[in-house]
């Protein structure tokens, strides 16, 4: 009985954290890729 609620609540927290982490990771990767491939690209291209 005690293990069931823990397993149900755990994936929810992991999903939220995973989404946040993935978003930040994607943003960081995009910034690094833009800087390496197109260092002269303007800021508006980096945001898109």
N, C-alpha and C. Protein backbone atom coordinates (compact mmCIF):
# COMPACT_ATOMS: atom_id res chain seq x y z
N UNK A 1 0.83 -1.20 0.00
CA UNK A 1 0.00 0.00 0.00
C UNK A 1 0.88 1.27 0.00
N UNK A 2 1.95 1.25 0.77
CA UNK A 2 2.79 2.45 0.84
C UNK A 2 3.61 2.63 -0.44
N UNK A 3 4.00 1.54 -1.08
CA UNK A 3 4.83 1.64 -2.28
C UNK A 3 4.03 2.20 -3.47
N UNK A 4 2.74 1.89 -3.54
CA UNK A 4 1.94 2.31 -4.70
C UNK A 4 1.93 3.83 -4.88
N UNK A 5 1.57 4.62 -3.86
CA UNK A 5 1.54 6.08 -4.05
C UNK A 5 2.91 6.66 -4.38
N UNK A 6 3.95 6.06 -3.86
CA UNK A 6 5.29 6.56 -4.16
C UNK A 6 5.60 6.39 -5.64
N UNK A 7 5.27 5.23 -6.17
CA UNK A 7 5.55 4.97 -7.59
C UNK A 7 4.71 5.90 -8.48
N UNK A 8 3.49 6.18 -8.05
CA UNK A 8 2.63 7.05 -8.86
C UNK A 8 3.13 8.50 -8.82
N UNK A 9 3.57 8.95 -7.66
CA UNK A 9 4.02 10.34 -7.54
C UNK A 9 5.41 10.52 -8.14
N UNK A 10 6.23 9.50 -8.08
CA UNK A 10 7.61 9.62 -8.57
C UNK A 10 7.67 9.95 -10.06
N UNK A 11 6.97 9.20 -10.92
CA UNK A 11 7.07 9.50 -12.36
C UNK A 11 6.59 10.89 -12.71
N UNK A 12 5.62 11.40 -11.98
CA UNK A 12 5.13 12.75 -12.27
C UNK A 12 6.24 13.76 -12.04
N UNK A 13 6.92 13.65 -10.92
CA UNK A 13 8.02 14.57 -10.62
C UNK A 13 9.14 14.41 -11.65
N UNK A 14 9.43 13.17 -12.00
CA UNK A 14 10.51 12.91 -12.96
C UNK A 14 10.15 13.50 -14.32
N UNK A 15 8.88 13.38 -14.70
CA UNK A 15 8.46 13.91 -16.00
C UNK A 15 8.61 15.43 -16.02
N UNK A 16 8.18 16.08 -14.95
CA UNK A 16 8.30 17.54 -14.89
C UNK A 16 9.76 17.96 -14.94
N UNK A 17 10.58 17.29 -14.13
CA UNK A 17 12.01 17.63 -14.10
C UNK A 17 12.64 17.30 -15.45
N UNK A 18 12.24 16.17 -16.02
CA UNK A 18 12.80 15.76 -17.31
C UNK A 18 12.47 16.77 -18.40
N UNK A 19 11.24 17.26 -18.40
CA UNK A 19 10.85 18.25 -19.41
C UNK A 19 11.65 19.53 -19.25
N UNK A 20 11.78 19.97 -18.01
CA UNK A 20 12.54 21.20 -17.76
C UNK A 20 14.00 21.01 -18.17
N UNK A 21 14.56 19.89 -17.78
CA UNK A 21 15.97 19.64 -18.09
C UNK A 21 16.16 19.53 -19.60
N UNK A 22 15.22 18.86 -20.27
CA UNK A 22 15.36 18.69 -21.72
C UNK A 22 15.25 20.04 -22.42
N UNK A 23 14.36 20.89 -21.94
CA UNK A 23 14.21 22.22 -22.57
C UNK A 23 15.49 23.02 -22.42
N UNK A 24 16.05 23.03 -21.23
CA UNK A 24 17.28 23.79 -21.00
C UNK A 24 18.42 23.19 -21.81
N UNK A 25 18.46 21.86 -21.88
CA UNK A 25 19.52 21.20 -22.63
C UNK A 25 19.40 21.53 -24.11
N UNK A 26 18.19 21.48 -24.64
CA UNK A 26 17.98 21.81 -26.06
C UNK A 26 18.39 23.25 -26.33
N UNK A 27 18.00 24.15 -25.45
CA UNK A 27 18.37 25.56 -25.63
C UNK A 27 19.88 25.72 -25.63
N UNK A 28 20.54 25.06 -24.69
CA UNK A 28 22.00 25.16 -24.60
C UNK A 28 22.65 24.58 -25.85
N UNK A 29 22.13 23.43 -26.31
CA UNK A 29 22.69 22.81 -27.51
C UNK A 29 22.49 23.71 -28.73
N UNK A 30 21.31 24.30 -28.85
CA UNK A 30 21.04 25.19 -29.99
C UNK A 30 21.99 26.38 -29.97
N UNK A 31 22.19 26.95 -28.79
CA UNK A 31 23.08 28.11 -28.68
C UNK A 31 24.50 27.73 -29.07
N UNK A 32 24.97 26.59 -28.57
CA UNK A 32 26.34 26.17 -28.88
C UNK A 32 26.47 25.86 -30.36
N UNK A 33 25.47 25.20 -30.94
CA UNK A 33 25.52 24.85 -32.36
C UNK A 33 25.53 26.13 -33.20
N UNK A 34 24.68 27.08 -32.85
CA UNK A 34 24.62 28.34 -33.60
C UNK A 34 25.95 29.08 -33.49
N UNK A 35 26.53 29.09 -32.32
CA UNK A 35 27.81 29.78 -32.13
C UNK A 35 28.91 29.12 -32.94
N UNK A 36 28.91 27.79 -32.99
CA UNK A 36 29.98 27.07 -33.69
C UNK A 36 29.78 27.16 -35.20
N UNK A 37 28.57 26.85 -35.67
CA UNK A 37 28.31 26.81 -37.12
C UNK A 37 28.14 28.23 -37.68
N UNK A 38 27.32 29.05 -37.01
CA UNK A 38 27.04 30.40 -37.51
C UNK A 38 27.35 31.42 -36.42
N UNK A 39 28.61 31.71 -36.18
CA UNK A 39 28.98 32.66 -35.13
C UNK A 39 28.53 34.09 -35.43
N UNK A 40 28.26 34.40 -36.70
CA UNK A 40 27.86 35.76 -37.06
C UNK A 40 26.35 35.91 -37.11
N UNK A 41 25.60 34.89 -36.68
CA UNK A 41 24.14 34.95 -36.73
C UNK A 41 23.63 35.95 -35.69
N UNK A 42 22.62 36.75 -36.04
CA UNK A 42 22.05 37.72 -35.10
C UNK A 42 21.28 37.03 -33.99
N UNK A 43 20.93 37.78 -32.95
CA UNK A 43 20.24 37.21 -31.79
C UNK A 43 18.87 36.65 -32.16
N UNK A 44 18.16 37.30 -33.08
CA UNK A 44 16.80 36.84 -33.41
C UNK A 44 16.83 35.46 -34.05
N UNK A 45 17.90 35.11 -34.75
CA UNK A 45 17.99 33.77 -35.33
C UNK A 45 18.25 32.74 -34.24
N UNK A 46 19.03 33.11 -33.24
CA UNK A 46 19.32 32.19 -32.14
C UNK A 46 18.03 31.87 -31.38
N UNK A 47 17.17 32.87 -31.19
CA UNK A 47 15.93 32.64 -30.46
C UNK A 47 15.02 31.71 -31.25
N UNK A 48 14.95 31.87 -32.56
CA UNK A 48 14.08 31.04 -33.38
C UNK A 48 14.65 29.64 -33.45
